[in-house]
Amino acid sequence: MIEIHTLKPIDAELLAASISKTGAVVTAEEHSRYGGLFSAVAEVAAEMKPVPMGHVAIEDRFGESGQYDEIMASCGLTVEHIVAEAKAAAARRR
């Protein structure tokens, strides 16, 4: 697991090392999947070593308000979703 704390500049060397080690990538973020961590990591992976990728992020939808846990669950941002996405990406490795 890598904790990316900044998108610009993104640590491409760290990502490349992890991609070589795991052969797959899954990002998890409390952000839209468009223009966020998934997009930045996908750009690095596409240039360095294309691998199966998955993401757990907020899909293109309007925001809501409510209890934190309920919002995360409604957006699919739970441990169960992250594990399922990781298993799916790992299954697509060559």
PDB file of N, CA and C in Angstrom:
ATOM      1  N   MET A   1       0.849  -1.170   0.000  1.00  0.00           N
ATOM      2  CA  MET A   1       0.000   0.000   0.000  1.00  0.00           C
ATOM      3  C   MET A   1       0.896   1.235   0.000  1.00  0.00           C
ATOM      4  N   ILE A   2       0.535   2.178  -0.847  1.00  0.00           N
ATOM      5  CA  ILE A   2       1.241   3.448  -0.934  1.00  0.00           C
ATOM      6  C   ILE A   2       0.249   4.544  -0.575  1.00  0.00           C
ATOM      7  N   GLU A   3       0.671   5.447   0.255  1.00  0.00           N
ATOM      8  CA  GLU A   3      -0.175   6.593   0.583  1.00  0.00           C
ATOM      9  C   GLU A   3       0.348   7.792  -0.204  1.00  0.00           C
ATOM     10  N   ILE A   4      -0.371   8.139  -1.249  1.00  0.00           N
ATOM     11  CA  ILE A   4       0.018   9.271  -2.094  1.00  0.00           C
ATOM     12  C   ILE A   4      -0.523  10.544  -1.447  1.00  0.00           C
ATOM     13  N   HIS A   5       0.352  11.453  -1.084  1.00  0.00           N
ATOM     14  CA  HIS A   5      -0.088  12.668  -0.401  1.00  0.00           C
ATOM     15  C   HIS A   5      -0.167  13.875  -1.325  1.00  0.00           C
ATOM     16  N   THR A   6       0.353  13.753  -2.534  1.00  0.00           N
ATOM     17  CA  THR A   6       0.269  14.854  -3.486  1.00  0.00           C
ATOM     18  C   THR A   6       0.223  14.304  -4.908  1.00  0.00           C
ATOM     19  N   LEU A   7      -0.589  14.933  -5.745  1.00  0.00           N
ATOM     20  CA  LEU A   7      -0.677  14.508  -7.139  1.00  0.00           C
ATOM     21  C   LEU A   7       0.352  15.216  -8.010  1.00  0.00           C
ATOM     22  N   LYS A   8       0.725  16.408  -7.616  1.00  0.00           N
ATOM     23  CA  LYS A   8       1.719  17.169  -8.370  1.00  0.00           C
ATOM     24  C   LYS A   8       2.764  17.676  -7.415  1.00  0.00           C
ATOM     25  N   PRO A   9       3.964  17.259  -7.506  1.00  0.00           N
ATOM     26  CA  PRO A   9       4.433  16.220  -8.423  1.00  0.00           C
ATOM     27  C   PRO A   9       4.095  14.839  -7.873  1.00  0.00           C
ATOM     28  N   ILE A  10       3.747  13.948  -8.755  1.00  0.00           N
ATOM     29  CA  ILE A  10       3.460  12.575  -8.337  1.00  0.00           C
ATOM     30  C   ILE A  10       4.775  11.790  -8.324  1.00  0.00           C
ATOM     31  N   ASP A  11       4.903  10.895  -7.402  1.00  0.00           N
ATOM     32  CA  ASP A  11       6.135  10.116  -7.259  1.00  0.00           C
ATOM     33  C   ASP A  11       6.099   8.935  -8.235  1.00  0.00           C
ATOM     34  N   ALA A  12       6.460   9.210  -9.475  1.00  0.00           N
ATOM     35  CA  ALA A  12       6.395   8.199 -10.537  1.00  0.00           C
ATOM     36  C   ALA A  12       7.330   7.028 -10.270  1.00  0.00           C
ATOM     37  N   GLU A  13       8.493   7.293  -9.693  1.00  0.00           N
ATOM     38  CA  GLU A  13       9.436   6.207  -9.402  1.00  0.00           C
ATOM     39  C   GLU A  13       8.869   5.238  -8.367  1.00  0.00           C
ATOM     40  N   LEU A  14       8.248   5.771  -7.330  1.00  0.00           N
ATOM     41  CA  LEU A  14       7.627   4.931  -6.307  1.00  0.00           C
ATOM     42  C   LEU A  14       6.497   4.100  -6.911  1.00  0.00           C
ATOM     43  N   LEU A  15       5.675   4.734  -7.739  1.00  0.00           N
ATOM     44  CA  LEU A  15       4.576   4.006  -8.393  1.00  0.00           C
ATOM     45  C   LEU A  15       5.108   2.914  -9.309  1.00  0.00           C
ATOM     46  N   ALA A  16       6.134   3.229 -10.088  1.00  0.00           N
ATOM     47  CA  ALA A  16       6.702   2.236 -11.001  1.00  0.00           C
ATOM     48  C   ALA A  16       7.245   1.036 -10.242  1.00  0.00           C
ATOM     49  N   ALA A  17       7.901   1.288  -9.124  1.00  0.00           N
ATOM     50  CA  ALA A  17       8.440   0.178  -8.317  1.00  0.00           C
ATOM     51  C   ALA A  17       7.311  -0.690  -7.784  1.00  0.00           C
ATOM     52  N   SER A  18       6.246  -0.063  -7.329  1.00  0.00           N
ATOM     53  CA  SER A  18       5.112  -0.820  -6.806  1.00  0.00           C
ATOM     54  C   SER A  18       4.405  -1.597  -7.904  1.00  0.00           C
ATOM     55  N   ILE A  19       4.250  -0.969  -9.063  1.00  0.00           N
ATOM     56  CA  ILE A  19       3.603  -1.632 -10.201  1.00  0.00           C
ATOM     57  C   ILE A  19       4.412  -2.859 -10.621  1.00  0.00           C
ATOM     58  N   SER A  20       5.734  -2.725 -10.657  1.00  0.00           N
ATOM     59  CA  SER A  20       6.587  -3.867 -11.018  1.00  0.00           C
ATOM     60  C   SER A  20       6.451  -4.991 -10.009  1.00  0.00           C
ATOM     61  N   LYS A  21       6.299  -4.630  -8.751  1.00  0.00           N
ATOM     62  CA  LYS A  21       6.197  -5.631  -7.684  1.00  0.00           C
ATOM     63  C   LYS A  21       4.852  -6.352  -7.695  1.00  0.00           C
ATOM     64  N   THR A  22       3.761  -5.602  -7.901  1.00  0.00           N
ATOM     65  CA  THR A  22       2.419  -6.178  -7.760  1.00  0.00           C
ATOM     66  C   THR A  22       1.767  -6.604  -9.066  1.00  0.00           C
ATOM     67  N   GLY A  23       2.094  -5.938 -10.163  1.00  0.00           N
ATOM     68  CA  GLY A  23       1.496  -6.278 -11.450  1.00  0.00           C
ATOM     69  C   GLY A  23       0.070  -5.794 -11.613  1.00  0.00           C
ATOM     70  N   ALA A  24      -0.411  -4.976 -10.699  1.00  0.00           N
ATOM     71  CA  ALA A  24      -1.761  -4.421 -10.780  1.00  0.00           C
ATOM     72  C   ALA A  24      -1.829  -3.184  -9.893  1.00  0.00           C
ATOM     73  N   VAL A  25      -2.836  -2.342 -10.115  1.00  0.00           N
ATOM     74  CA  VAL A  25      -2.998  -1.123  -9.330  1.00  0.00           C
ATOM     75  C   VAL A  25      -4.468  -0.941  -8.987  1.00  0.00           C
ATOM     76  N   VAL A  26      -4.732  -0.569  -7.748  1.00  0.00           N
ATOM     77  CA  VAL A  26      -6.069  -0.161  -7.324  1.00  0.00           C
ATOM     78  C   VAL A  26      -5.902   1.127  -6.530  1.00  0.00           C
ATOM     79  N   THR A  27      -6.653   2.144  -6.892  1.00  0.00           N
ATOM     80  CA  THR A  27      -6.634   3.390  -6.130  1.00  0.00           C
ATOM     81  C   THR A  27      -7.930   3.504  -5.341  1.00  0.00           C
ATOM     82  N   ALA A  28      -7.839   4.141  -4.187  1.00  0.00           N
ATOM     83  CA  ALA A  28      -9.015   4.405  -3.347  1.00  0.00           C
ATOM     84  C   ALA A  28      -8.928   5.853  -2.894  1.00  0.00           C
ATOM     85  N   GLU A  29      -9.979   6.616  -3.148  1.00  0.00           N
ATOM     86  CA  GLU A  29      -9.951   8.032  -2.815  1.00  0.00           C
ATOM     87  C   GLU A  29     -11.349   8.573  -2.553  1.00  0.00           C
ATOM     88  N   GLU A  30     -11.420   9.563  -1.697  1.00  0.00           N
ATOM     89  CA  GLU A  30     -12.667  10.270  -1.415  1.00  0.00           C
ATOM     90  C   GLU A  30     -12.761  11.464  -2.351  1.00  0.00           C
ATOM     91  N   HIS A  31     -12.774  11.170  -3.629  1.00  0.00           N
ATOM     92  CA  HIS A  31     -12.746  12.200  -4.671  1.00  0.00           C
ATOM     93  C   HIS A  31     -13.384  11.582  -5.899  1.00  0.00           C
ATOM     94  N   SER A  32     -13.746  12.421  -6.849  1.00  0.00           N
ATOM     95  CA  SER A  32     -14.245  11.919  -8.122  1.00  0.00           C
ATOM     96  C   SER A  32     -13.167  11.081  -8.793  1.00  0.00           C
ATOM     97  N   ARG A  33     -13.576  10.039  -9.467  1.00  0.00           N
ATOM     98  CA  ARG A  33     -12.597   9.222 -10.186  1.00  0.00           C
ATOM     99  C   ARG A  33     -12.009   9.975 -11.362  1.00  0.00           C
ATOM    100  N   TYR A  34     -12.658  11.051 -11.784  1.00  0.00           N
ATOM    101  CA  TYR A  34     -12.187  11.835 -12.922  1.00  0.00           C
ATOM    102  C   TYR A  34     -11.313  12.983 -12.427  1.00  0.00           C
ATOM    103  N   GLY A  35     -10.087  13.045 -12.902  1.00  0.00           N
ATOM    104  CA  GLY A  35      -9.195  14.134 -12.569  1.00  0.00           C
ATOM    105  C   GLY A  35      -8.563  14.030 -11.193  1.00  0.00           C
ATOM    106  N   GLY A  36      -8.612  12.860 -10.592  1.00  0.00           N
ATOM    107  CA  GLY A  36      -8.045  12.684  -9.260  1.00  0.00           C
ATOM    108  C   GLY A  36      -6.886  11.708  -9.263  1.00  0.00           C
ATOM    109  N   LEU A  37      -6.773  10.971  -8.174  1.00  0.00           N
ATOM    110  CA  LEU A  37      -5.678  10.026  -7.998  1.00  0.00           C
ATOM    111  C   LEU A  37      -5.682   8.941  -9.073  1.00  0.00           C
ATOM    112  N   PHE A  38      -6.839   8.368  -9.360  1.00  0.00           N
ATOM    113  CA  PHE A  38      -6.917   7.304 -10.369  1.00  0.00           C
ATOM    114  C   PHE A  38      -6.363   7.792 -11.704  1.00  0.00           C
ATOM    115  N   SER A  39      -6.786   8.981 -12.125  1.00  0.00           N
ATOM    116  CA  SER A  39      -6.315   9.525 -13.402  1.00  0.00           C
ATOM    117  C   SER A  39      -4.806   9.722 -13.408  1.00  0.00           C
ATOM    118  N   ALA A  40      -4.266  10.272 -12.326  1.00  0.00           N
ATOM    119  CA  ALA A  40      -2.828  10.527 -12.247  1.00  0.00           C
ATOM    120  C   ALA A  40      -2.028   9.222 -12.261  1.00  0.00           C
ATOM    121  N   VAL A  41      -2.475   8.248 -11.503  1.00  0.00           N
ATOM    122  CA  VAL A  41      -1.769   6.961 -11.455  1.00  0.00           C
ATOM    123  C   VAL A  41      -1.897   6.245 -12.799  1.00  0.00           C
ATOM    124  N   ALA A  42      -3.045   6.332 -13.427  1.00  0.00           N
ATOM    125  CA  ALA A  42      -3.241   5.698 -14.735  1.00  0.00           C
ATOM    126  C   ALA A  42      -2.298   6.287 -15.776  1.00  0.00           C
ATOM    127  N   GLU A  43      -2.062   7.581 -15.713  1.00  0.00           N
ATOM    128  CA  GLU A  43      -1.127   8.206 -16.649  1.00  0.00           C
ATOM    129  C   GLU A  43       0.283   7.665 -16.443  1.00  0.00           C
ATOM    130  N   VAL A  44       0.711   7.537 -15.207  1.00  0.00           N
ATOM    131  CA  VAL A  44       2.036   7.003 -14.920  1.00  0.00           C
ATOM    132  C   VAL A  44       2.125   5.552 -15.393  1.00  0.00           C
ATOM    133  N   ALA A  45       1.118   4.757 -15.063  1.00  0.00           N
ATOM    134  CA  ALA A  45       1.132   3.343 -15.446  1.00  0.00           C
ATOM    135  C   ALA A  45       1.137   3.180 -16.961  1.00  0.00           C
ATOM    136  N   ALA A  46       0.373   3.998 -17.662  1.00  0.00           N
ATOM    137  CA  ALA A  46       0.299   3.890 -19.124  1.00  0.00           C
ATOM    138  C   ALA A  46       1.656   4.164 -19.764  1.00  0.00           C
ATOM    139  N   GLU A  47       2.404   5.083 -19.198  1.00  0.00           N
ATOM    140  CA  GLU A  47       3.710   5.418 -19.763  1.00  0.00           C
ATOM    141  C   GLU A  47       4.800   4.434 -19.356  1.00  0.00           C
ATOM    142  N   MET A  48       4.708   3.900 -18.146  1.00  0.00           N
ATOM    143  CA  MET A  48       5.800   3.078 -17.631  1.00  0.00           C
ATOM    144  C   MET A  48       5.566   1.585 -17.796  1.00  0.00           C
ATOM    145  N   LYS A  49       4.403   1.124 -17.395  1.00  0.00           N
ATOM    146  CA  LYS A  49       4.136  -0.309 -17.441  1.00  0.00           C
ATOM    147  C   LYS A  49       2.635  -0.523 -17.315  1.00  0.00           C
ATOM    148  N   PRO A  50       1.927  -0.610 -18.434  1.00  0.00           N
ATOM    149  CA  PRO A  50       0.473  -0.831 -18.355  1.00  0.00           C
ATOM    150  C   PRO A  50       0.152  -2.135 -17.622  1.00  0.00           C
ATOM    151  N   VAL A  51      -0.742  -2.045 -16.663  1.00  0.00           N
ATOM    152  CA  VAL A  51      -1.163  -3.189 -15.860  1.00  0.00           C
ATOM    153  C   VAL A  51      -2.666  -3.077 -15.632  1.00  0.00           C
ATOM    154  N   PRO A  52      -3.307  -4.164 -15.195  1.00  0.00           N
ATOM    155  CA  PRO A  52      -4.715  -4.067 -14.830  1.00  0.00           C
ATOM    156  C   PRO A  52      -4.897  -3.047 -13.706  1.00  0.00           C
ATOM    157  N   MET A  53      -5.922  -2.223 -13.835  1.00  0.00           N
ATOM    158  CA  MET A  53      -6.173  -1.188 -12.835  1.00  0.00           C
ATOM    159  C   MET A  53      -7.614  -1.239 -12.374  1.00  0.00           C
ATOM    160  N   GLY A  54      -7.816  -0.824 -11.153  1.00  0.00           N
ATOM    161  CA  GLY A  54      -9.156  -0.677 -10.600  1.00  0.00           C
ATOM    162  C   GLY A  54      -9.187   0.567  -9.743  1.00  0.00           C
ATOM    163  N   HIS A  55     -10.375   0.987  -9.394  1.00  0.00           N
ATOM    164  CA  HIS A  55     -10.489   2.181  -8.563  1.00  0.00           C
ATOM    165  C   HIS A  55     -11.718   2.092  -7.669  1.00  0.00           C
ATOM    166  N   VAL A  56     -11.610   2.724  -6.542  1.00  0.00           N
ATOM    167  CA  VAL A  56     -12.743   2.928  -5.645  1.00  0.00           C
ATOM    168  C   VAL A  56     -12.759   4.429  -5.414  1.00  0.00           C
ATOM    169  N   ALA A  57     -13.768   5.078  -5.960  1.00  0.00           N
ATOM    170  CA  ALA A  57     -13.852   6.535  -5.896  1.00  0.00           C
ATOM    171  C   ALA A  57     -15.303   6.939  -6.094  1.00  0.00           C
ATOM    172  N   ILE A  58     -15.551   8.207  -5.965  1.00  0.00           N
ATOM    173  CA  ILE A  58     -16.912   8.709  -6.169  1.00  0.00           C
ATOM    174  C   ILE A  58     -17.163   8.803  -7.666  1.00  0.00           C
ATOM    175  N   GLU A  59     -18.197   8.142  -8.105  1.00  0.00           N
ATOM    176  CA  GLU A  59     -18.570   8.206  -9.518  1.00  0.00           C
ATOM    177  C   GLU A  59     -19.135   9.589  -9.814  1.00  0.00           C
ATOM    178  N   ASP A  60     -19.357   9.870 -11.059  1.00  0.00           N
ATOM    179  CA  ASP A  60     -19.841  11.181 -11.495  1.00  0.00           C
ATOM    180  C   ASP A  60     -21.282  11.375 -11.013  1.00  0.00           C
ATOM    181  N   ARG A  61     -21.444  12.028  -9.865  1.00  0.00           N
ATOM    182  CA  ARG A  61     -22.762  12.208  -9.273  1.00  0.00           C
ATOM    183  C   ARG A  61     -22.773  13.450  -8.393  1.00  0.00           C
ATOM    184  N   PHE A  62     -23.955  13.895  -8.064  1.00  0.00           N
ATOM    185  CA  PHE A  62     -24.088  15.059  -7.195  1.00  0.00           C
ATOM    186  C   PHE A  62     -23.737  14.669  -5.761  1.00  0.00           C
ATOM    187  N   GLY A  63     -23.234  15.634  -5.013  1.00  0.00           N
ATOM    188  CA  GLY A  63     -22.884  15.405  -3.625  1.00  0.00           C
ATOM    189  C   GLY A  63     -24.118  15.242  -2.754  1.00  0.00           C
ATOM    190  N   GLU A  64     -23.929  14.679  -1.585  1.00  0.00           N
ATOM    191  CA  GLU A  64     -25.011  14.493  -0.623  1.00  0.00           C
ATOM    192  C   GLU A  64     -24.500  14.896   0.749  1.00  0.00           C
ATOM    193  N   SER A  65     -25.430  14.980   1.670  1.00  0.00           N
ATOM    194  CA  SER A  65     -25.026  15.218   3.048  1.00  0.00           C
ATOM    195  C   SER A  65     -25.620  14.127   3.923  1.00  0.00           C
ATOM    196  N   GLY A  66     -24.997  13.885   5.059  1.00  0.00           N
ATOM    197  CA  GLY A  66     -25.463  12.852   5.973  1.00  0.00           C
ATOM    198  C   GLY A  66     -24.326  12.383   6.853  1.00  0.00           C
ATOM    199  N   GLN A  67     -24.522  11.266   7.506  1.00  0.00           N
ATOM    200  CA  GLN A  67     -23.494  10.677   8.353  1.00  0.00           C
ATOM    201  C   GLN A  67     -22.354  10.149   7.476  1.00  0.00           C
ATOM    202  N   TYR A  68     -21.134  10.353   7.940  1.00  0.00           N
ATOM    203  CA  TYR A  68     -19.945   9.993   7.169  1.00  0.00           C
ATOM    204  C   TYR A  68     -19.989   8.544   6.674  1.00  0.00           C
ATOM    205  N   ASP A  69     -20.224   7.593   7.581  1.00  0.00           N
ATOM    206  CA  ASP A  69     -20.232   6.173   7.196  1.00  0.00           C
ATOM    207  C   ASP A  69     -21.300   5.873   6.157  1.00  0.00           C
ATOM    208  N   GLU A  70     -22.451   6.499   6.277  1.00  0.00           N
ATOM    209  CA  GLU A  70     -23.536   6.277   5.313  1.00  0.00           C
ATOM    210  C   GLU A  70     -23.180   6.838   3.939  1.00  0.00           C
ATOM    211  N   ILE A  71     -22.556   8.007   3.933  1.00  0.00           N
ATOM    212  CA  ILE A  71     -22.136   8.608   2.654  1.00  0.00           C
ATOM    213  C   ILE A  71     -21.081   7.734   1.982  1.00  0.00           C
ATOM    214  N   MET A  72     -20.097   7.292   2.762  1.00  0.00           N
ATOM    215  CA  MET A  72     -19.041   6.445   2.195  1.00  0.00           C
ATOM    216  C   MET A  72     -19.635   5.157   1.620  1.00  0.00           C
ATOM    217  N   ALA A  73     -20.561   4.547   2.330  1.00  0.00           N
ATOM    218  CA  ALA A  73     -21.192   3.315   1.845  1.00  0.00           C
ATOM    219  C   ALA A  73     -22.004   3.581   0.579  1.00  0.00           C
ATOM    220  N   SER A  74     -22.730   4.690   0.541  1.00  0.00           N
ATOM    221  CA  SER A  74     -23.560   4.974  -0.639  1.00  0.00           C
ATOM    222  C   SER A  74     -22.701   5.268  -1.869  1.00  0.00           C
ATOM    223  N   CYS A  75     -21.466   5.731  -1.636  1.00  0.00           N
ATOM    224  CA  CYS A  75     -20.543   6.013  -2.739  1.00  0.00           C
ATOM    225  C   CYS A  75     -19.684   4.795  -3.086  1.00  0.00           C
ATOM    226  N   GLY A  76     -19.813   3.717  -2.324  1.00  0.00           N
ATOM    227  CA  GLY A  76     -19.003   2.525  -2.569  1.00  0.00           C
ATOM    228  C   GLY A  76     -17.589   2.663  -2.043  1.00  0.00           C
ATOM    229  N   LEU A  77     -17.393   3.498  -1.046  1.00  0.00           N
ATOM    230  CA  LEU A  77     -16.061   3.724  -0.485  1.00  0.00           C
ATOM    231  C   LEU A  77     -15.928   3.001   0.843  1.00  0.00           C
ATOM    232  N   THR A  78     -15.923   1.685   0.782  1.00  0.00           N
ATOM    233  CA  THR A  78     -15.815   0.861   1.983  1.00  0.00           C
ATOM    234  C   THR A  78     -14.663  -0.128   1.819  1.00  0.00           C
ATOM    235  N   VAL A  79     -14.250  -0.708   2.911  1.00  0.00           N
ATOM    236  CA  VAL A  79     -13.197  -1.721   2.872  1.00  0.00           C
ATOM    237  C   VAL A  79     -13.611  -2.859   1.946  1.00  0.00           C
ATOM    238  N   GLU A  80     -14.868  -3.254   2.019  1.00  0.00           N
ATOM    239  CA  GLU A  80     -15.346  -4.365   1.182  1.00  0.00           C
ATOM    240  C   GLU A  80     -15.205  -4.037  -0.307  1.00  0.00           C
ATOM    241  N   HIS A  81     -15.519  -2.802  -0.689  1.00  0.00           N
ATOM    242  CA  HIS A  81     -15.383  -2.403  -2.094  1.00  0.00           C
ATOM    243  C   HIS A  81     -13.912  -2.374  -2.519  1.00  0.00           C
ATOM    244  N   ILE A  82     -13.046  -1.893  -1.640  1.00  0.00           N
ATOM    245  CA  ILE A  82     -11.621  -1.840  -1.966  1.00  0.00           C
ATOM    246  C   ILE A  82     -11.064  -3.251  -2.140  1.00  0.00           C
ATOM    247  N   VAL A  83     -11.417  -4.158  -1.241  1.00  0.00           N
ATOM    248  CA  VAL A  83     -10.944  -5.549  -1.336  1.00  0.00           C
ATOM    249  C   VAL A  83     -11.462  -6.197  -2.617  1.00  0.00           C
ATOM    250  N   ALA A  84     -12.722  -6.003  -2.936  1.00  0.00           N
ATOM    251  CA  ALA A  84     -13.299  -6.586  -4.153  1.00  0.00           C
ATOM    252  C   ALA A  84     -12.601  -6.055  -5.399  1.00  0.00           C
ATOM    253  N   GLU A  85     -12.315  -4.758  -5.421  1.00  0.00           N
ATOM    254  CA  GLU A  85     -11.639  -4.155  -6.576  1.00  0.00           C
ATOM    255  C   GLU A  85     -10.207  -4.672  -6.695  1.00  0.00           C
ATOM    256  N   ALA A  86      -9.530  -4.846  -5.569  1.00  0.00           N
ATOM    257  CA  ALA A  86      -8.166  -5.382  -5.583  1.00  0.00           C
ATOM    258  C   ALA A  86      -8.153  -6.822  -6.098  1.00  0.00           C
ATOM    259  N   LYS A  87      -9.100  -7.623  -5.657  1.00  0.00           N
ATOM    260  CA  LYS A  87      -9.181  -9.011  -6.145  1.00  0.00           C
ATOM    261  C   LYS A  87      -9.465  -9.052  -7.635  1.00  0.00           C
ATOM    262  N   ALA A  88     -10.346  -8.178  -8.103  1.00  0.00           N
ATOM    263  CA  ALA A  88     -10.668  -8.140  -9.538  1.00  0.00           C
ATOM    264  C   ALA A  88      -9.459  -7.723 -10.364  1.00  0.00           C
ATOM    265  N   ALA A  89      -8.712  -6.712  -9.908  1.00  0.00           N
ATOM    266  CA  ALA A  89      -7.510  -6.278 -10.636  1.00  0.00           C
ATOM    267  C   ALA A  89      -6.449  -7.374 -10.620  1.00  0.00           C
ATOM    268  N   ALA A  90      -6.260  -8.028  -9.494  1.00  0.00           N
ATOM    269  CA  ALA A  90      -5.273  -9.102  -9.398  1.00  0.00           C
ATOM    270  C   ALA A  90      -5.634 -10.272 -10.324  1.00  0.00           C
ATOM    271  N   ALA A  91      -6.896 -10.545 -10.473  1.00  0.00           N
ATOM    272  CA  ALA A  91      -7.337 -11.638 -11.338  1.00  0.00           C
ATOM    273  C   ALA A  91      -7.062 -11.341 -12.817  1.00  0.00           C
ATOM    274  N   ARG A  92      -6.941 -10.060 -13.166  1.00  0.00           N
ATOM    275  CA  ARG A  92      -6.676  -9.674 -14.568  1.00  0.00           C
ATOM    276  C   ARG A  92      -5.191  -9.619 -14.893  1.00  0.00           C
ATOM    277  N   ARG A  93      -4.322  -9.864 -13.891  1.00  0.00           N
ATOM    278  CA  ARG A  93      -2.878  -9.846 -14.178  1.00  0.00           C
ATOM    279  C   ARG A  93      -2.520 -10.953 -15.145  1.00  0.00           C
ATOM    280  N   ARG A  94      -1.464 -10.724 -15.904  1.00  0.00           N
ATOM    281  CA  ARG A  94      -1.019 -11.733 -16.892  1.00  0.00           C
ATOM    282  C   ARG A  94       0.051 -12.586 -16.312  1.00  0.00           C
TER     283      ARG A  94
END
